[in-house]
Amino acid sequence: MDHIDRKIIDMLQKNARAPLKEIADHVFLSSPAVSARIARLESAGILSGYQAQIDAPKLGYMVKAFINLDMDPQRKPEFYPYIQQCPQVVECNCVTGDYSMLIEVLFGTTQELDQFINHLQQFGRTHTQIVFSTPVEHRGVPVSDPDEE
């Protein structure tokens, strides 16, 4: 992967719908050359998908929270299928520290969040933080060249 690939990735992270011509003009290549590079990045698994950014409150999700779950590692085989089928779970990470899982969720109300936590506690002890504001929204992965740093 070279600096041109990194520029293409950076542009696609900012706008996955950027026209090939716009990307090509930015990296000084032809549209077919950019298309071939994107296809190569996709087949290598570097570009793993494209998605729209959604304003959750406009869809009725007024409560964003992070739930820490302290769970016995031997419960993972039953926990993973459970958590994967929960549509309110935006992300779930296995982490180090006092808790084993960090779960980001979206709900319409705190009552719905409370119900979910009650179900989640079948797997272990929880600690929940409700988000008041998000000064830095999710952003793309830094794609600077490690050799340039």
N, C-alpha and C. Protein backbone atom coordinates (compact mmCIF):
# COMPACT_ATOMS: atom_id res chain seq x y z
N MET A 1 0.85 -1.18 0.00
CA MET A 1 0.00 0.00 0.00
C MET A 1 0.89 1.24 0.00
N ASP A 2 0.64 2.15 -0.92
CA ASP A 2 1.46 3.35 -1.01
C ASP A 2 0.67 4.59 -0.59
N HIS A 3 1.31 5.76 -0.76
CA HIS A 3 0.68 7.00 -0.32
C HIS A 3 -0.60 7.31 -1.11
N ILE A 4 -0.69 6.87 -2.35
CA ILE A 4 -1.90 7.10 -3.14
C ILE A 4 -3.06 6.28 -2.58
N ASP A 5 -2.78 5.01 -2.24
CA ASP A 5 -3.81 4.18 -1.63
C ASP A 5 -4.30 4.83 -0.33
N ARG A 6 -3.38 5.38 0.45
CA ARG A 6 -3.74 6.01 1.72
C ARG A 6 -4.63 7.25 1.48
N LYS A 7 -4.32 8.02 0.43
CA LYS A 7 -5.15 9.18 0.11
C LYS A 7 -6.55 8.74 -0.32
N ILE A 8 -6.61 7.66 -1.10
CA ILE A 8 -7.91 7.14 -1.55
C ILE A 8 -8.73 6.69 -0.34
N ILE A 9 -8.10 5.96 0.57
CA ILE A 9 -8.80 5.49 1.78
C ILE A 9 -9.28 6.68 2.59
N ASP A 10 -8.43 7.67 2.76
CA ASP A 10 -8.80 8.85 3.53
C ASP A 10 -10.02 9.53 2.91
N MET A 11 -10.02 9.69 1.61
CA MET A 11 -11.16 10.33 0.93
C MET A 11 -12.43 9.50 1.09
N LEU A 12 -12.31 8.17 0.96
CA LEU A 12 -13.50 7.32 1.07
C LEU A 12 -14.04 7.30 2.51
N GLN A 13 -13.15 7.42 3.49
CA GLN A 13 -13.62 7.50 4.88
C GLN A 13 -14.41 8.77 5.12
N LYS A 14 -14.01 9.85 4.47
CA LYS A 14 -14.71 11.12 4.64
C LYS A 14 -16.01 11.15 3.85
N ASN A 15 -16.02 10.48 2.68
CA ASN A 15 -17.22 10.44 1.85
C ASN A 15 -17.15 9.20 0.96
N ALA A 16 -17.81 8.13 1.41
CA ALA A 16 -17.78 6.87 0.66
C ALA A 16 -18.47 6.99 -0.70
N ARG A 17 -19.22 8.07 -0.88
CA ARG A 17 -19.91 8.28 -2.16
C ARG A 17 -19.16 9.24 -3.08
N ALA A 18 -17.93 9.55 -2.74
CA ALA A 18 -17.15 10.46 -3.60
C ALA A 18 -17.04 9.85 -5.00
N PRO A 19 -17.30 10.65 -6.01
CA PRO A 19 -17.18 10.13 -7.38
C PRO A 19 -15.75 9.74 -7.71
N LEU A 20 -15.60 8.70 -8.52
CA LEU A 20 -14.26 8.25 -8.92
C LEU A 20 -13.47 9.39 -9.55
N LYS A 21 -14.13 10.20 -10.36
CA LYS A 21 -13.42 11.30 -11.03
C LYS A 21 -12.84 12.27 -10.01
N GLU A 22 -13.60 12.57 -8.95
CA GLU A 22 -13.12 13.48 -7.91
C GLU A 22 -11.90 12.89 -7.20
N ILE A 23 -11.97 11.60 -6.89
CA ILE A 23 -10.83 10.94 -6.23
C ILE A 23 -9.64 10.93 -7.19
N ALA A 24 -9.90 10.59 -8.44
CA ALA A 24 -8.83 10.53 -9.45
C ALA A 24 -8.14 11.87 -9.61
N ASP A 25 -8.92 12.94 -9.64
CA ASP A 25 -8.34 14.28 -9.76
C ASP A 25 -7.46 14.60 -8.55
N HIS A 26 -7.89 14.16 -7.38
CA HIS A 26 -7.16 14.45 -6.14
C HIS A 26 -5.82 13.70 -6.07
N VAL A 27 -5.79 12.48 -6.63
CA VAL A 27 -4.56 11.67 -6.54
C VAL A 27 -3.78 11.64 -7.86
N PHE A 28 -4.26 12.41 -8.84
CA PHE A 28 -3.58 12.55 -10.14
C PHE A 28 -3.45 11.22 -10.89
N LEU A 29 -4.54 10.44 -10.88
CA LEU A 29 -4.62 9.20 -11.66
C LEU A 29 -5.90 9.23 -12.48
N SER A 30 -6.03 8.27 -13.39
CA SER A 30 -7.27 8.15 -14.16
C SER A 30 -8.33 7.46 -13.30
N SER A 31 -9.58 7.64 -13.69
CA SER A 31 -10.67 6.98 -12.97
C SER A 31 -10.54 5.46 -12.98
N PRO A 32 -10.18 4.84 -14.15
CA PRO A 32 -10.00 3.38 -14.14
C PRO A 32 -8.87 2.93 -13.21
N ALA A 33 -7.81 3.72 -13.10
CA ALA A 33 -6.70 3.36 -12.21
C ALA A 33 -7.16 3.42 -10.74
N VAL A 34 -7.94 4.44 -10.42
CA VAL A 34 -8.47 4.55 -9.05
C VAL A 34 -9.44 3.39 -8.77
N SER A 35 -10.28 3.09 -9.73
CA SER A 35 -11.22 1.98 -9.58
C SER A 35 -10.47 0.67 -9.32
N ALA A 36 -9.39 0.44 -10.05
CA ALA A 36 -8.59 -0.78 -9.86
C ALA A 36 -7.96 -0.81 -8.47
N ARG A 37 -7.48 0.35 -8.01
CA ARG A 37 -6.88 0.41 -6.67
C ARG A 37 -7.94 0.13 -5.59
N ILE A 38 -9.13 0.70 -5.76
CA ILE A 38 -10.21 0.45 -4.80
C ILE A 38 -10.58 -1.04 -4.78
N ALA A 39 -10.67 -1.63 -5.96
CA ALA A 39 -10.99 -3.06 -6.04
C ALA A 39 -9.91 -3.89 -5.34
N ARG A 40 -8.64 -3.51 -5.51
CA ARG A 40 -7.54 -4.22 -4.85
C ARG A 40 -7.61 -4.07 -3.34
N LEU A 41 -7.94 -2.85 -2.87
CA LEU A 41 -8.06 -2.60 -1.43
C LEU A 41 -9.24 -3.39 -0.84
N GLU A 42 -10.30 -3.52 -1.63
CA GLU A 42 -11.45 -4.31 -1.17
C GLU A 42 -11.09 -5.80 -1.11
N SER A 43 -10.45 -6.31 -2.15
CA SER A 43 -10.12 -7.74 -2.16
C SER A 43 -9.09 -8.09 -1.09
N ALA A 44 -8.25 -7.12 -0.71
CA ALA A 44 -7.27 -7.35 0.37
C ALA A 44 -7.91 -7.23 1.75
N GLY A 45 -9.18 -6.79 1.79
CA GLY A 45 -9.88 -6.66 3.06
C GLY A 45 -9.56 -5.37 3.80
N ILE A 46 -8.79 -4.48 3.18
CA ILE A 46 -8.47 -3.20 3.81
C ILE A 46 -9.72 -2.32 3.82
N LEU A 47 -10.40 -2.25 2.69
CA LEU A 47 -11.72 -1.62 2.63
C LEU A 47 -12.72 -2.75 2.84
N SER A 48 -13.35 -2.77 4.01
CA SER A 48 -14.21 -3.91 4.35
C SER A 48 -15.69 -3.61 4.19
N GLY A 49 -16.04 -2.38 3.85
CA GLY A 49 -17.44 -2.05 3.64
C GLY A 49 -17.65 -0.55 3.59
N TYR A 50 -18.88 -0.17 3.29
CA TYR A 50 -19.25 1.24 3.19
C TYR A 50 -20.55 1.40 3.96
N GLN A 51 -20.67 2.49 4.71
CA GLN A 51 -21.91 2.72 5.43
C GLN A 51 -22.20 4.21 5.58
N ALA A 52 -23.48 4.49 5.76
CA ALA A 52 -23.91 5.87 5.96
C ALA A 52 -23.77 6.24 7.42
N GLN A 53 -23.48 7.51 7.70
CA GLN A 53 -23.47 8.00 9.07
C GLN A 53 -24.88 8.50 9.38
N ILE A 54 -25.40 8.05 10.51
CA ILE A 54 -26.79 8.33 10.87
C ILE A 54 -26.85 9.24 12.10
N ASP A 55 -27.77 10.19 12.10
CA ASP A 55 -28.03 11.03 13.26
C ASP A 55 -29.05 10.27 14.11
N ALA A 56 -28.58 9.52 15.10
CA ALA A 56 -29.42 8.62 15.90
C ALA A 56 -30.63 9.31 16.54
N PRO A 57 -30.48 10.50 17.16
CA PRO A 57 -31.66 11.13 17.76
C PRO A 57 -32.79 11.41 16.75
N LYS A 58 -32.43 11.69 15.50
CA LYS A 58 -33.46 11.94 14.49
C LYS A 58 -34.26 10.67 14.15
N LEU A 59 -33.72 9.51 14.55
CA LEU A 59 -34.45 8.25 14.37
C LEU A 59 -35.08 7.79 15.69
N GLY A 60 -35.05 8.67 16.69
CA GLY A 60 -35.70 8.35 17.96
C GLY A 60 -34.80 7.74 19.02
N TYR A 61 -33.52 7.59 18.74
CA TYR A 61 -32.59 7.04 19.73
C TYR A 61 -32.01 8.19 20.54
N MET A 62 -32.67 8.49 21.64
CA MET A 62 -32.30 9.65 22.45
C MET A 62 -31.28 9.31 23.55
N VAL A 63 -31.05 8.03 23.81
CA VAL A 63 -30.17 7.61 24.88
C VAL A 63 -29.03 6.77 24.30
N LYS A 64 -27.82 7.29 24.47
CA LYS A 64 -26.61 6.56 24.09
C LYS A 64 -25.90 6.22 25.39
N ALA A 65 -25.44 4.97 25.51
CA ALA A 65 -24.78 4.57 26.75
C ALA A 65 -23.66 3.58 26.46
N PHE A 66 -22.74 3.52 27.41
CA PHE A 66 -21.68 2.52 27.40
C PHE A 66 -21.89 1.64 28.62
N ILE A 67 -21.95 0.36 28.39
CA ILE A 67 -22.17 -0.59 29.47
C ILE A 67 -20.92 -1.45 29.61
N ASN A 68 -20.36 -1.46 30.81
CA ASN A 68 -19.26 -2.36 31.11
C ASN A 68 -19.87 -3.62 31.70
N LEU A 69 -19.41 -4.78 31.25
CA LEU A 69 -19.92 -6.05 31.74
C LEU A 69 -18.76 -6.90 32.26
N ASP A 70 -18.87 -7.32 33.51
CA ASP A 70 -17.89 -8.23 34.11
C ASP A 70 -18.45 -9.63 33.96
N MET A 71 -17.83 -10.42 33.10
CA MET A 71 -18.37 -11.72 32.75
C MET A 71 -17.28 -12.78 32.83
N ASP A 72 -17.63 -13.95 33.30
CA ASP A 72 -16.72 -15.09 33.30
C ASP A 72 -16.38 -15.42 31.84
N PRO A 73 -15.11 -15.52 31.49
CA PRO A 73 -14.73 -15.79 30.09
C PRO A 73 -15.37 -17.07 29.53
N GLN A 74 -15.71 -17.99 30.38
CA GLN A 74 -16.33 -19.24 29.91
C GLN A 74 -17.77 -19.04 29.42
N ARG A 75 -18.32 -17.87 29.68
CA ARG A 75 -19.68 -17.55 29.22
C ARG A 75 -19.69 -16.96 27.81
N LYS A 76 -18.49 -16.67 27.26
CA LYS A 76 -18.43 -16.05 25.92
C LYS A 76 -19.19 -16.83 24.85
N PRO A 77 -19.09 -18.17 24.81
CA PRO A 77 -19.81 -18.90 23.75
C PRO A 77 -21.32 -18.68 23.75
N GLU A 78 -21.93 -18.41 24.89
CA GLU A 78 -23.36 -18.12 24.89
C GLU A 78 -23.62 -16.61 24.81
N PHE A 79 -22.66 -15.80 25.29
CA PHE A 79 -22.84 -14.34 25.28
C PHE A 79 -22.74 -13.78 23.86
N TYR A 80 -21.74 -14.20 23.10
CA TYR A 80 -21.52 -13.62 21.77
C TYR A 80 -22.74 -13.74 20.86
N PRO A 81 -23.37 -14.91 20.74
CA PRO A 81 -24.58 -14.97 19.90
C PRO A 81 -25.71 -14.08 20.44
N TYR A 82 -25.82 -14.00 21.76
CA TYR A 82 -26.86 -13.16 22.37
C TYR A 82 -26.64 -11.69 21.99
N ILE A 83 -25.43 -11.19 22.21
CA ILE A 83 -25.15 -9.77 22.00
C ILE A 83 -25.20 -9.41 20.51
N GLN A 84 -24.82 -10.35 19.64
CA GLN A 84 -24.86 -10.09 18.20
C GLN A 84 -26.28 -9.92 17.68
N GLN A 85 -27.25 -10.53 18.35
CA GLN A 85 -28.63 -10.41 17.87
C GLN A 85 -29.37 -9.22 18.46
N CYS A 86 -28.72 -8.43 19.30
CA CYS A 86 -29.36 -7.26 19.92
C CYS A 86 -29.21 -6.05 19.00
N PRO A 87 -30.30 -5.59 18.37
CA PRO A 87 -30.18 -4.49 17.40
C PRO A 87 -29.76 -3.16 18.03
N GLN A 88 -29.97 -2.97 19.32
CA GLN A 88 -29.61 -1.72 19.97
C GLN A 88 -28.12 -1.62 20.26
N VAL A 89 -27.41 -2.75 20.13
CA VAL A 89 -25.96 -2.76 20.38
C VAL A 89 -25.26 -2.25 19.13
N VAL A 90 -24.59 -1.11 19.29
CA VAL A 90 -23.86 -0.49 18.19
C VAL A 90 -22.48 -1.14 18.05
N GLU A 91 -21.88 -1.45 19.20
CA GLU A 91 -20.54 -2.06 19.19
C GLU A 91 -20.33 -2.79 20.50
N CYS A 92 -19.60 -3.89 20.44
CA CYS A 92 -19.25 -4.64 21.64
C CYS A 92 -17.79 -5.04 21.52
N ASN A 93 -17.02 -4.69 22.55
CA ASN A 93 -15.58 -4.97 22.55
C ASN A 93 -15.20 -5.79 23.77
N CYS A 94 -14.35 -6.79 23.58
CA CYS A 94 -13.75 -7.53 24.68
C CYS A 94 -12.53 -6.72 25.11
N VAL A 95 -12.48 -6.32 26.40
CA VAL A 95 -11.46 -5.37 26.85
C VAL A 95 -10.72 -5.88 28.09
N THR A 96 -9.64 -5.19 28.43
CA THR A 96 -8.89 -5.48 29.64
C THR A 96 -9.41 -4.60 30.77
N GLY A 97 -9.03 -4.93 31.99
CA GLY A 97 -9.40 -4.10 33.13
C GLY A 97 -10.40 -4.78 34.03
N ASP A 98 -11.13 -3.98 34.78
CA ASP A 98 -12.09 -4.50 35.76
C ASP A 98 -13.28 -5.19 35.10
N TYR A 99 -13.58 -4.84 33.88
CA TYR A 99 -14.70 -5.44 33.15
C TYR A 99 -14.17 -6.15 31.92
N SER A 100 -14.91 -7.13 31.43
CA SER A 100 -14.44 -7.89 30.28
C SER A 100 -15.04 -7.42 28.95
N MET A 101 -16.19 -6.74 29.00
CA MET A 101 -16.84 -6.28 27.79
C MET A 101 -17.20 -4.80 27.92
N LEU A 102 -17.06 -4.07 26.83
CA LEU A 102 -17.50 -2.68 26.74
C LEU A 102 -18.50 -2.64 25.59
N ILE A 103 -19.74 -2.27 25.92
CA ILE A 103 -20.85 -2.35 24.97
C ILE A 103 -21.43 -0.95 24.76
N GLU A 104 -21.50 -0.51 23.52
CA GLU A 104 -22.13 0.77 23.19
C GLU A 104 -23.54 0.47 22.69
N VAL A 105 -24.53 1.16 23.26
CA VAL A 105 -25.92 0.92 22.90
C VAL A 105 -26.66 2.23 22.62
N LEU A 106 -27.76 2.11 21.88
CA LEU A 106 -28.66 3.23 21.60
C LEU A 106 -30.08 2.80 21.93
N PHE A 107 -30.81 3.64 22.67
CA PHE A 107 -32.19 3.36 23.02
C PHE A 107 -33.02 4.64 22.92
N GLY A 108 -34.32 4.47 22.81
CA GLY A 108 -35.22 5.61 22.77
C GLY A 108 -35.42 6.24 24.13
N THR A 109 -35.45 5.39 25.17
CA THR A 109 -35.70 5.89 26.52
C THR A 109 -34.78 5.21 27.52
N THR A 110 -34.68 5.80 28.70
CA THR A 110 -33.89 5.18 29.77
C THR A 110 -34.58 3.92 30.29
N GLN A 111 -35.89 3.85 30.17
CA GLN A 111 -36.60 2.65 30.59
C GLN A 111 -36.21 1.46 29.72
N GLU A 112 -36.09 1.69 28.41
CA GLU A 112 -35.64 0.62 27.51
C GLU A 112 -34.22 0.20 27.84
N LEU A 113 -33.38 1.17 28.14
CA LEU A 113 -32.00 0.87 28.55
C LEU A 113 -32.01 0.02 29.82
N ASP A 114 -32.82 0.39 30.78
CA ASP A 114 -32.91 -0.33 32.04
C ASP A 114 -33.34 -1.78 31.81
N GLN A 115 -34.30 -2.00 30.94
CA GLN A 115 -34.75 -3.36 30.61
C GLN A 115 -33.62 -4.17 30.01
N PHE A 116 -32.87 -3.54 29.10
CA PHE A 116 -31.76 -4.24 28.45
C PHE A 116 -30.70 -4.63 29.49
N ILE A 117 -30.38 -3.70 30.37
CA ILE A 117 -29.37 -3.98 31.41
C ILE A 117 -29.84 -5.13 32.29
N ASN A 118 -31.13 -5.16 32.63
CA ASN A 118 -31.66 -6.26 33.44
C ASN A 118 -31.44 -7.60 32.74
N HIS A 119 -31.65 -7.66 31.43
CA HIS A 119 -31.41 -8.89 30.68
C HIS A 119 -29.91 -9.21 30.63
N LEU A 120 -29.12 -8.18 30.44
CA LEU A 120 -27.67 -8.35 30.32
C LEU A 120 -27.05 -8.89 31.61
N GLN A 121 -27.65 -8.58 32.73
CA GLN A 121 -27.08 -8.99 34.02
C GLN A 121 -27.13 -10.50 34.24
N GLN A 122 -27.79 -11.24 33.36
CA GLN A 122 -27.72 -12.69 33.44
C GLN A 122 -26.30 -13.18 33.15
N PHE A 123 -25.50 -12.33 32.49
CA PHE A 123 -24.13 -12.71 32.14
C PHE A 123 -23.11 -12.20 33.16
N GLY A 124 -23.49 -11.26 34.02
CA GLY A 124 -22.55 -10.76 35.02
C GLY A 124 -22.89 -9.36 35.48
N ARG A 125 -21.98 -8.81 36.26
CA ARG A 125 -22.13 -7.47 36.85
C ARG A 125 -21.94 -6.40 35.79
N THR A 126 -22.76 -5.34 35.85
CA THR A 126 -22.67 -4.26 34.86
C THR A 126 -22.39 -2.93 35.55
N HIS A 127 -21.85 -2.02 34.77
CA HIS A 127 -21.65 -0.63 35.17
C HIS A 127 -21.97 0.19 33.93
N THR A 128 -22.90 1.13 34.04
CA THR A 128 -23.40 1.86 32.87
C THR A 128 -23.09 3.35 32.96
N GLN A 129 -22.70 3.91 31.83
CA GLN A 129 -22.49 5.35 31.70
C GLN A 129 -23.38 5.85 30.57
N ILE A 130 -24.24 6.82 30.88
CA ILE A 130 -25.09 7.43 29.87
C ILE A 130 -24.36 8.65 29.31
N VAL A 131 -24.36 8.78 28.01
CA VAL A 131 -23.64 9.85 27.32
C VAL A 131 -24.49 11.12 27.32
N PHE A 132 -23.90 12.23 27.78
CA PHE A 132 -24.55 13.54 27.71
C PHE A 132 -24.31 14.20 26.36
N SER A 133 -23.07 14.14 25.88
CA SER A 133 -22.73 14.74 24.59
C SER A 133 -21.52 14.01 24.02
N THR A 134 -21.29 14.22 22.73
CA THR A 134 -20.19 13.57 22.03
C THR A 134 -19.38 14.63 21.30
N PRO A 135 -18.35 15.19 21.96
CA PRO A 135 -17.57 16.26 21.32
C PRO A 135 -16.77 15.78 20.10
N VAL A 136 -16.43 14.50 20.04
CA VAL A 136 -15.75 13.94 18.87
C VAL A 136 -16.55 12.74 18.41
N GLU A 137 -17.21 12.88 17.27
CA GLU A 137 -17.96 11.77 16.69
C GLU A 137 -16.99 10.73 16.14
N HIS A 138 -17.53 9.53 15.89
CA HIS A 138 -16.69 8.49 15.30
C HIS A 138 -16.07 9.02 14.01
N ARG A 139 -14.79 8.83 13.88
CA ARG A 139 -14.11 9.28 12.67
C ARG A 139 -13.29 8.13 12.11
N GLY A 140 -12.80 8.31 10.94
CA GLY A 140 -12.08 7.25 10.26
C GLY A 140 -10.77 6.88 10.94
N VAL A 141 -10.21 5.79 10.45
CA VAL A 141 -8.92 5.32 10.94
C VAL A 141 -7.82 6.20 10.34
N PRO A 142 -6.84 6.64 11.16
CA PRO A 142 -5.74 7.42 10.58
C PRO A 142 -5.00 6.58 9.54
N VAL A 143 -4.76 7.17 8.39
CA VAL A 143 -4.11 6.42 7.32
C VAL A 143 -2.76 6.99 6.92
N SER A 144 -2.15 7.75 7.83
CA SER A 144 -0.82 8.28 7.51
C SER A 144 0.16 7.14 7.37
N ASP A 145 1.15 7.34 6.57
CA ASP A 145 2.18 6.33 6.33
C ASP A 145 3.09 6.25 7.55
N PRO A 146 3.22 5.07 8.18
CA PRO A 146 4.06 4.95 9.37
C PRO A 146 5.51 5.36 9.11
N ASP A 147 5.98 5.22 7.88
CA ASP A 147 7.35 5.60 7.55
C ASP A 147 7.52 7.13 7.52
N GLU A 148 6.39 7.86 7.35
CA GLU A 148 6.47 9.31 7.27
C GLU A 148 6.43 9.96 8.66
N GLU A 149 6.08 9.18 9.69
CA GLU A 149 5.97 9.77 11.04
C GLU A 149 7.29 9.79 11.77
